[in-house]
PDB file of all heavy atoms in Angstrom:
ATOM      1  N   GLY A   1      -9.992   4.376  -1.912  1.00  0.00           N
ATOM      2  CA  GLY A   1     -10.743   4.033  -0.711  1.00  0.00           C
ATOM      3  C   GLY A   1     -10.299   2.756  -0.045  1.00  0.00           C
ATOM      4  O   GLY A   1     -10.645   2.499   1.112  1.00  0.00           O
ATOM      5  N   ILE A   2      -9.507   1.936  -0.741  1.00  0.00           N
ATOM      6  CA  ILE A   2      -9.130   0.650  -0.148  1.00  0.00           C
ATOM      7  C   ILE A   2      -8.244   0.819   1.066  1.00  0.00           C
ATOM      8  O   ILE A   2      -8.185  -0.066   1.916  1.00  0.00           O
ATOM      9  CB  ILE A   2      -8.440  -0.272  -1.182  1.00  0.00           C
ATOM     10  CG1 ILE A   2      -7.198   0.384  -1.766  1.00  0.00           C
ATOM     11  CG2 ILE A   2      -9.405  -0.681  -2.260  1.00  0.00           C
ATOM     12  CD1 ILE A   2      -6.396  -0.558  -2.656  1.00  0.00           C
ATOM     13  N   LEU A   3      -7.550   1.971   1.184  1.00  0.00           N
ATOM     14  CA  LEU A   3      -6.703   2.164   2.359  1.00  0.00           C
ATOM     15  C   LEU A   3      -7.536   2.223   3.631  1.00  0.00           C
ATOM     16  O   LEU A   3      -7.048   1.908   4.712  1.00  0.00           O
ATOM     17  CB  LEU A   3      -5.863   3.425   2.216  1.00  0.00           C
ATOM     18  CG  LEU A   3      -4.692   3.354   1.242  1.00  0.00           C
ATOM     19  CD1 LEU A   3      -3.819   4.584   1.379  1.00  0.00           C
ATOM     20  CD2 LEU A   3      -3.860   2.108   1.478  1.00  0.00           C
ATOM     21  N   GLU A   4      -8.778   2.633   3.516  1.00  0.00           N
ATOM     22  CA  GLU A   4      -9.634   2.767   4.685  1.00  0.00           C
ATOM     23  C   GLU A   4     -10.001   1.407   5.286  1.00  0.00           C
ATOM     24  O   GLU A   4     -10.454   1.349   6.432  1.00  0.00           O
ATOM     25  CB  GLU A   4     -10.900   3.538   4.313  1.00  0.00           C
ATOM     26  CG  GLU A   4     -10.616   4.949   3.813  1.00  0.00           C
ATOM     27  CD  GLU A   4     -11.845   5.619   3.238  1.00  0.00           C
ATOM     28  OE1 GLU A   4     -12.936   5.022   3.344  1.00  0.00           O
ATOM     29  OE2 GLU A   4     -11.717   6.720   2.682  1.00  0.00           O
ATOM     30  N   ILE A   5      -9.823   0.352   4.551  1.00  0.00           N
ATOM     31  CA  ILE A   5     -10.183  -0.968   5.064  1.00  0.00           C
ATOM     32  C   ILE A   5      -8.979  -1.705   5.622  1.00  0.00           C
ATOM     33  O   ILE A   5      -9.114  -2.816   6.122  1.00  0.00           O
ATOM     34  CB  ILE A   5     -10.837  -1.835   3.971  1.00  0.00           C
ATOM     35  CG1 ILE A   5      -9.810  -2.216   2.903  1.00  0.00           C
ATOM     36  CG2 ILE A   5     -12.055  -1.147   3.377  1.00  0.00           C
ATOM     37  CD1 ILE A   5     -10.323  -3.229   1.902  1.00  0.00           C
ATOM     38  N   ALA A   6      -7.786  -1.089   5.562  1.00  0.00           N
ATOM     39  CA  ALA A   6      -6.563  -1.802   5.924  1.00  0.00           C
ATOM     40  C   ALA A   6      -6.460  -2.013   7.419  1.00  0.00           C
ATOM     41  O   ALA A   6      -6.646  -1.098   8.212  1.00  0.00           O
ATOM     42  CB  ALA A   6      -5.346  -1.023   5.428  1.00  0.00           C
ATOM     43  N   ASP A   7      -6.134  -3.243   7.812  1.00  0.00           N
ATOM     44  CA  ASP A   7      -5.693  -3.532   9.171  1.00  0.00           C
ATOM     45  C   ASP A   7      -4.176  -3.467   9.240  1.00  0.00           C
ATOM     46  O   ASP A   7      -3.609  -3.127  10.278  1.00  0.00           O
ATOM     47  CB  ASP A   7      -6.179  -4.919   9.602  1.00  0.00           C
ATOM     48  CG  ASP A   7      -7.699  -4.985   9.703  1.00  0.00           C
ATOM     49  OD1 ASP A   7      -8.275  -4.139  10.408  1.00  0.00           O
ATOM     50  OD2 ASP A   7      -8.299  -5.864   9.071  1.00  0.00           O
ATOM     51  N   ILE A   8      -3.536  -3.808   8.136  1.00  0.00           N
ATOM     52  CA  ILE A   8      -2.080  -3.705   8.023  1.00  0.00           C
ATOM     53  C   ILE A   8      -1.763  -3.171   6.631  1.00  0.00           C
ATOM     54  O   ILE A   8      -2.283  -3.683   5.628  1.00  0.00           O
ATOM     55  CB  ILE A   8      -1.400  -5.076   8.235  1.00  0.00           C
ATOM     56  CG1 ILE A   8      -1.682  -5.614   9.637  1.00  0.00           C
ATOM     57  CG2 ILE A   8       0.113  -4.967   8.014  1.00  0.00           C
ATOM     58  CD1 ILE A   8      -1.223  -7.036   9.857  1.00  0.00           C
ATOM     59  N   LEU A   9      -0.924  -2.149   6.568  1.00  0.00           N
ATOM     60  CA  LEU A   9      -0.483  -1.596   5.289  1.00  0.00           C
ATOM     61  C   LEU A   9       0.871  -2.208   4.941  1.00  0.00           C
ATOM     62  O   LEU A   9       1.794  -2.201   5.762  1.00  0.00           O
ATOM     63  CB  LEU A   9      -0.360  -0.077   5.373  1.00  0.00           C
ATOM     64  CG  LEU A   9      -1.676   0.691   5.534  1.00  0.00           C
ATOM     65  CD1 LEU A   9      -1.415   2.120   5.985  1.00  0.00           C
ATOM     66  CD2 LEU A   9      -2.465   0.687   4.239  1.00  0.00           C
ATOM     67  N   VAL A  10       0.975  -2.749   3.740  1.00  0.00           N
ATOM     68  CA  VAL A  10       2.209  -3.402   3.301  1.00  0.00           C
ATOM     69  C   VAL A  10       2.779  -2.633   2.120  1.00  0.00           C
ATOM     70  O   VAL A  10       2.101  -2.435   1.110  1.00  0.00           O
ATOM     71  CB  VAL A  10       1.948  -4.868   2.895  1.00  0.00           C
ATOM     72  CG1 VAL A  10       3.264  -5.546   2.504  1.00  0.00           C
ATOM     73  CG2 VAL A  10       1.272  -5.632   4.021  1.00  0.00           C
ATOM     74  N   ILE A  11       4.026  -2.195   2.267  1.00  0.00           N
ATOM     75  CA  ILE A  11       4.732  -1.605   1.128  1.00  0.00           C
ATOM     76  C   ILE A  11       5.630  -2.701   0.570  1.00  0.00           C
ATOM     77  O   ILE A  11       6.700  -2.986   1.106  1.00  0.00           O
ATOM     78  CB  ILE A  11       5.575  -0.383   1.543  1.00  0.00           C
ATOM     79  CG1 ILE A  11       4.699   0.666   2.223  1.00  0.00           C
ATOM     80  CG2 ILE A  11       6.259   0.224   0.309  1.00  0.00           C
ATOM     81  CD1 ILE A  11       5.472   1.877   2.723  1.00  0.00           C
ATOM     82  N   ASN A  12       5.160  -3.347  -0.473  1.00  0.00           N
ATOM     83  CA  ASN A  12       5.947  -4.410  -1.109  1.00  0.00           C
ATOM     84  C   ASN A  12       6.899  -3.791  -2.136  1.00  0.00           C
ATOM     85  O   ASN A  12       6.771  -2.626  -2.493  1.00  0.00           O
ATOM     86  CB  ASN A  12       5.020  -5.427  -1.769  1.00  0.00           C
ATOM     87  CG  ASN A  12       5.717  -6.719  -2.103  1.00  0.00           C
ATOM     88  OD1 ASN A  12       6.688  -7.117  -1.445  1.00  0.00           O
ATOM     89  ND2 ASN A  12       5.257  -7.402  -3.136  1.00  0.00           N
ATOM     90  N   LYS A  13       7.861  -4.588  -2.587  1.00  0.00           N
ATOM     91  CA  LYS A  13       8.895  -4.094  -3.508  1.00  0.00           C
ATOM     92  C   LYS A  13       9.618  -2.902  -2.886  1.00  0.00           C
ATOM     93  O   LYS A  13       9.892  -1.885  -3.548  1.00  0.00           O
ATOM     94  CB  LYS A  13       8.278  -3.723  -4.864  1.00  0.00           C
ATOM     95  CG  LYS A  13       7.506  -4.867  -5.511  1.00  0.00           C
ATOM     96  CD  LYS A  13       6.947  -4.491  -6.871  1.00  0.00           C
ATOM     97  CE  LYS A  13       6.176  -5.667  -7.494  1.00  0.00           C
ATOM     98  NZ  LYS A  13       5.635  -5.348  -8.815  1.00  0.00           N
ATOM     99  N   ALA A  14       9.902  -3.030  -1.576  1.00  0.00           N
ATOM    100  CA  ALA A  14      10.469  -1.920  -0.812  1.00  0.00           C
ATOM    101  C   ALA A  14      11.925  -1.640  -1.156  1.00  0.00           C
ATOM    102  O   ALA A  14      12.526  -0.735  -0.572  1.00  0.00           O
ATOM    103  CB  ALA A  14      10.330  -2.207   0.691  1.00  0.00           C
ATOM    104  N   ASP A  15      12.491  -2.419  -2.083  1.00  0.00           N
ATOM    105  CA  ASP A  15      13.853  -2.142  -2.535  1.00  0.00           C
ATOM    106  C   ASP A  15      13.866  -1.150  -3.692  1.00  0.00           C
ATOM    107  O   ASP A  15      14.930  -0.773  -4.185  1.00  0.00           O
ATOM    108  CB  ASP A  15      14.548  -3.441  -2.953  1.00  0.00           C
ATOM    109  CG  ASP A  15      13.752  -4.219  -3.998  1.00  0.00           C
ATOM    110  OD1 ASP A  15      12.534  -3.953  -4.138  1.00  0.00           O
ATOM    111  OD2 ASP A  15      14.340  -5.099  -4.658  1.00  0.00           O
ATOM    112  N   ARG A  16      12.694  -0.712  -4.125  1.00  0.00           N
ATOM    113  CA  ARG A  16      12.607   0.227  -5.241  1.00  0.00           C
ATOM    114  C   ARG A  16      12.795   1.665  -4.779  1.00  0.00           C
ATOM    115  O   ARG A  16      12.510   1.997  -3.621  1.00  0.00           O
ATOM    116  CB  ARG A  16      11.241   0.109  -5.928  1.00  0.00           C
ATOM    117  CG  ARG A  16      11.049  -1.143  -6.749  1.00  0.00           C
ATOM    118  CD  ARG A  16       9.729  -1.069  -7.485  1.00  0.00           C
ATOM    119  NE  ARG A  16       9.567  -2.167  -8.422  1.00  0.00           N
ATOM    120  CZ  ARG A  16       8.525  -2.291  -9.240  1.00  0.00           C
ATOM    121  NH1 ARG A  16       7.566  -1.371  -9.242  1.00  0.00           N
ATOM    122  NH2 ARG A  16       8.447  -3.317 -10.063  1.00  0.00           N
ATOM    123  N   PRO A  17      13.241   2.539  -5.679  1.00  0.00           N
ATOM    124  CA  PRO A  17      13.346   3.963  -5.348  1.00  0.00           C
ATOM    125  C   PRO A  17      11.965   4.533  -5.018  1.00  0.00           C
ATOM    126  O   PRO A  17      10.953   4.124  -5.594  1.00  0.00           O
ATOM    127  CB  PRO A  17      13.911   4.594  -6.630  1.00  0.00           C
ATOM    128  CG  PRO A  17      14.552   3.465  -7.372  1.00  0.00           C
ATOM    129  CD  PRO A  17      13.750   2.244  -7.040  1.00  0.00           C
ATOM    130  N   GLY A  18      11.930   5.466  -4.089  1.00  0.00           N
ATOM    131  CA  GLY A  18      10.677   6.123  -3.742  1.00  0.00           C
ATOM    132  C   GLY A  18       9.941   5.500  -2.581  1.00  0.00           C
ATOM    133  O   GLY A  18       8.848   5.965  -2.225  1.00  0.00           O
ATOM    134  N   VAL A  19      10.534   4.465  -1.963  1.00  0.00           N
ATOM    135  CA  VAL A  19       9.831   3.800  -0.872  1.00  0.00           C
ATOM    136  C   VAL A  19       9.643   4.740   0.312  1.00  0.00           C
ATOM    137  O   VAL A  19       8.631   4.676   1.018  1.00  0.00           O
ATOM    138  CB  VAL A  19      10.583   2.507  -0.453  1.00  0.00           C
ATOM    139  CG1 VAL A  19      11.972   2.832   0.089  1.00  0.00           C
ATOM    140  CG2 VAL A  19       9.774   1.725   0.574  1.00  0.00           C
ATOM    141  N   GLU A  20      10.620   5.640   0.535  1.00  0.00           N
ATOM    142  CA  GLU A  20      10.511   6.576   1.656  1.00  0.00           C
ATOM    143  C   GLU A  20       9.320   7.512   1.464  1.00  0.00           C
ATOM    144  O   GLU A  20       8.584   7.812   2.420  1.00  0.00           O
ATOM    145  CB  GLU A  20      11.801   7.393   1.811  1.00  0.00           C
ATOM    146  CG  GLU A  20      13.034   6.587   2.198  1.00  0.00           C
ATOM    147  CD  GLU A  20      13.701   5.946   0.991  1.00  0.00           C
ATOM    148  OE1 GLU A  20      13.223   6.192  -0.159  1.00  0.00           O
ATOM    149  OE2 GLU A  20      14.684   5.208   1.174  1.00  0.00           O
ATOM    150  N   ASN A  21       9.128   7.978   0.234  1.00  0.00           N
ATOM    151  CA  ASN A  21       7.997   8.868  -0.037  1.00  0.00           C
ATOM    152  C   ASN A  21       6.665   8.147   0.148  1.00  0.00           C
ATOM    153  O   ASN A  21       5.701   8.717   0.664  1.00  0.00           O
ATOM    154  CB  ASN A  21       8.090   9.426  -1.460  1.00  0.00           C
ATOM    155  CG  ASN A  21       9.245  10.386  -1.621  1.00  0.00           C
ATOM    156  OD1 ASN A  21       9.713  10.990  -0.660  1.00  0.00           O
ATOM    157  ND2 ASN A  21       9.726  10.528  -2.858  1.00  0.00           N
ATOM    158  N   THR A  22       6.610   6.897  -0.290  1.00  0.00           N
ATOM    159  CA  THR A  22       5.386   6.121  -0.133  1.00  0.00           C
ATOM    160  C   THR A  22       5.065   5.914   1.344  1.00  0.00           C
ATOM    161  O   THR A  22       3.920   6.077   1.784  1.00  0.00           O
ATOM    162  CB  THR A  22       5.526   4.748  -0.829  1.00  0.00           C
ATOM    163  OG1 THR A  22       5.808   4.952  -2.213  1.00  0.00           O
ATOM    164  CG2 THR A  22       4.251   3.943  -0.682  1.00  0.00           C
ATOM    165  N   GLU A  23       6.101   5.560   2.126  1.00  0.00           N
ATOM    166  CA  GLU A  23       5.900   5.349   3.561  1.00  0.00           C
ATOM    167  C   GLU A  23       5.471   6.647   4.249  1.00  0.00           C
ATOM    168  O   GLU A  23       4.585   6.647   5.113  1.00  0.00           O
ATOM    169  CB  GLU A  23       7.184   4.812   4.190  1.00  0.00           C
ATOM    170  CG  GLU A  23       7.028   4.470   5.667  1.00  0.00           C
ATOM    171  CD  GLU A  23       8.291   3.867   6.243  1.00  0.00           C
ATOM    172  OE1 GLU A  23       9.352   3.956   5.596  1.00  0.00           O
ATOM    173  OE2 GLU A  23       8.224   3.317   7.354  1.00  0.00           O
ATOM    174  N   LYS A  24       6.083   7.751   3.862  1.00  0.00           N
ATOM    175  CA  LYS A  24       5.738   9.044   4.455  1.00  0.00           C
ATOM    176  C   LYS A  24       4.282   9.412   4.158  1.00  0.00           C
ATOM    177  O   LYS A  24       3.564   9.905   5.033  1.00  0.00           O
ATOM    178  CB  LYS A  24       6.676  10.124   3.909  1.00  0.00           C
ATOM    179  CG  LYS A  24       6.450  11.499   4.512  1.00  0.00           C
ATOM    180  CD  LYS A  24       7.446  12.501   3.941  1.00  0.00           C
ATOM    181  CE  LYS A  24       7.200  13.900   4.518  1.00  0.00           C
ATOM    182  NZ  LYS A  24       8.157  14.895   3.960  1.00  0.00           N
ATOM    183  N   ALA A  25       3.848   9.147   2.922  1.00  0.00           N
ATOM    184  CA  ALA A  25       2.459   9.465   2.547  1.00  0.00           C
ATOM    185  C   ALA A  25       1.480   8.622   3.346  1.00  0.00           C
ATOM    186  O   ALA A  25       0.444   9.122   3.808  1.00  0.00           O
ATOM    187  CB  ALA A  25       2.264   9.232   1.048  1.00  0.00           C
ATOM    188  N   LEU A  26       1.802   7.355   3.533  1.00  0.00           N
ATOM    189  CA  LEU A  26       0.917   6.480   4.298  1.00  0.00           C
ATOM    190  C   LEU A  26       0.867   6.884   5.769  1.00  0.00           C
ATOM    191  O   LEU A  26      -0.190   6.861   6.405  1.00  0.00           O
ATOM    192  CB  LEU A  26       1.373   5.029   4.164  1.00  0.00           C
ATOM    193  CG  LEU A  26       1.241   4.409   2.767  1.00  0.00           C
ATOM    194  CD1 LEU A  26       1.801   2.996   2.748  1.00  0.00           C
ATOM    195  CD2 LEU A  26      -0.208   4.409   2.299  1.00  0.00           C
ATOM    196  N   LYS A  27       2.025   7.251   6.315  1.00  0.00           N
ATOM    197  CA  LYS A  27       2.060   7.693   7.709  1.00  0.00           C
ATOM    198  C   LYS A  27       1.256   8.969   7.898  1.00  0.00           C
ATOM    199  O   LYS A  27       0.556   9.137   8.914  1.00  0.00           O
ATOM    200  CB  LYS A  27       3.506   7.911   8.158  1.00  0.00           C
ATOM    201  CG  LYS A  27       4.255   6.624   8.456  1.00  0.00           C
ATOM    202  CD  LYS A  27       5.664   6.906   8.956  1.00  0.00           C
ATOM    203  CE  LYS A  27       6.380   5.607   9.326  1.00  0.00           C
ATOM    204  NZ  LYS A  27       7.769   5.854   9.790  1.00  0.00           N
ATOM    205  N   SER A  28       1.325   9.864   6.939  1.00  0.00           N
ATOM    206  CA  SER A  28       0.538  11.097   7.016  1.00  0.00           C
ATOM    207  C   SER A  28      -0.947  10.791   7.022  1.00  0.00           C
ATOM    208  O   SER A  28      -1.727  11.412   7.764  1.00  0.00           O
ATOM    209  CB  SER A  28       0.877  12.015   5.831  1.00  0.00           C
ATOM    210  OG  SER A  28       2.237  12.394   5.853  1.00  0.00           O
ATOM    211  N   MET A  29      -1.322   9.835   6.198  1.00  0.00           N
ATOM    212  CA  MET A  29      -2.726   9.447   6.152  1.00  0.00           C
ATOM    213  C   MET A  29      -3.179   8.869   7.493  1.00  0.00           C
ATOM    214  O   MET A  29      -4.260   9.179   7.998  1.00  0.00           O
ATOM    215  CB  MET A  29      -2.931   8.424   5.030  1.00  0.00           C
ATOM    216  CG  MET A  29      -4.378   7.996   4.812  1.00  0.00           C
ATOM    217  SD  MET A  29      -4.875   6.564   5.794  1.00  0.00           S
ATOM    218  CE  MET A  29      -3.771   5.307   5.168  1.00  0.00           C
ATOM    219  N   LEU A  30      -2.327   8.048   8.108  1.00  0.00           N
ATOM    220  CA  LEU A  30      -2.675   7.453   9.396  1.00  0.00           C
ATOM    221  C   LEU A  30      -2.739   8.504  10.500  1.00  0.00           C
ATOM    222  O   LEU A  30      -3.567   8.414  11.409  1.00  0.00           O
ATOM    223  CB  LEU A  30      -1.656   6.371   9.760  1.00  0.00           C
ATOM    224  CG  LEU A  30      -1.699   5.102   8.909  1.00  0.00           C
ATOM    225  CD1 LEU A  30      -0.565   4.158   9.303  1.00  0.00           C
ATOM    226  CD2 LEU A  30      -3.035   4.395   9.054  1.00  0.00           C
ATOM    227  N   ASP A  31      -1.864   9.492  10.430  1.00  0.00           N
ATOM    228  CA  ASP A  31      -1.864  10.551  11.434  1.00  0.00           C
ATOM    229  C   ASP A  31      -3.138  11.389  11.380  1.00  0.00           C
ATOM    230  O   ASP A  31      -3.591  11.916  12.397  1.00  0.00           O
ATOM    231  CB  ASP A  31      -0.650  11.475  11.239  1.00  0.00           C
ATOM    232  CG  ASP A  31       0.646  10.790  11.619  1.00  0.00           C
ATOM    233  OD1 ASP A  31       0.584   9.786  12.360  1.00  0.00           O
ATOM    234  OD2 ASP A  31       1.717  11.249  11.168  1.00  0.00           O
ATOM    235  N   LEU A  32      -3.712  11.490  10.193  1.00  0.00           N
ATOM    236  CA  LEU A  32      -4.925  12.285  10.029  1.00  0.00           C
ATOM    237  C   LEU A  32      -6.173  11.549  10.486  1.00  0.00           C
ATOM    238  O   LEU A  32      -7.189  12.168  10.781  1.00  0.00           O
ATOM    239  CB  LEU A  32      -5.092  12.684   8.553  1.00  0.00           C
ATOM    240  CG  LEU A  32      -4.118  13.735   8.013  1.00  0.00           C
ATOM    241  CD1 LEU A  32      -4.300  13.884   6.510  1.00  0.00           C
ATOM    242  CD2 LEU A  32      -4.323  15.067   8.714  1.00  0.00           C
ATOM    243  N   ALA A  33      -6.087  10.233  10.512  1.00  0.00           N
ATOM    244  CA  ALA A  33      -7.295   9.442  10.789  1.00  0.00           C
ATOM    245  C   ALA A  33      -7.030   8.437  11.896  1.00  0.00           C
ATOM    246  O   ALA A  33      -6.321   7.453  11.690  1.00  0.00           O
ATOM    247  CB  ALA A  33      -7.758   8.726   9.523  1.00  0.00           C
ATOM    248  N   HIS A  34      -7.613   8.685  13.048  1.00  0.00           N
ATOM    249  CA  HIS A  34      -7.629   7.698  14.132  1.00  0.00           C
ATOM    250  C   HIS A  34      -9.085   7.444  14.462  1.00  0.00           C
ATOM    251  O   HIS A  34      -9.619   7.985  15.425  1.00  0.00           O
ATOM    252  CB  HIS A  34      -6.889   8.210  15.371  1.00  0.00           C
ATOM    253  CG  HIS A  34      -5.430   8.410  15.131  1.00  0.00           C
ATOM    254  ND1 HIS A  34      -4.572   7.364  14.909  1.00  0.00           N
ATOM    255  CD2 HIS A  34      -4.680   9.533  15.082  1.00  0.00           C
ATOM    256  CE1 HIS A  34      -3.336   7.839  14.729  1.00  0.00           C
ATOM    257  NE2 HIS A  34      -3.387   9.148  14.817  1.00  0.00           N
TER     258      HIS A  34
END
């Protein structure tokens, strides 16, 4: 539920593998909720 309170979403440690999947999941969540 903490994502619902975000004004800015930060993907830290973005040099790690899987960052694209994490970003895609977050973008999908934002697309569903305006």
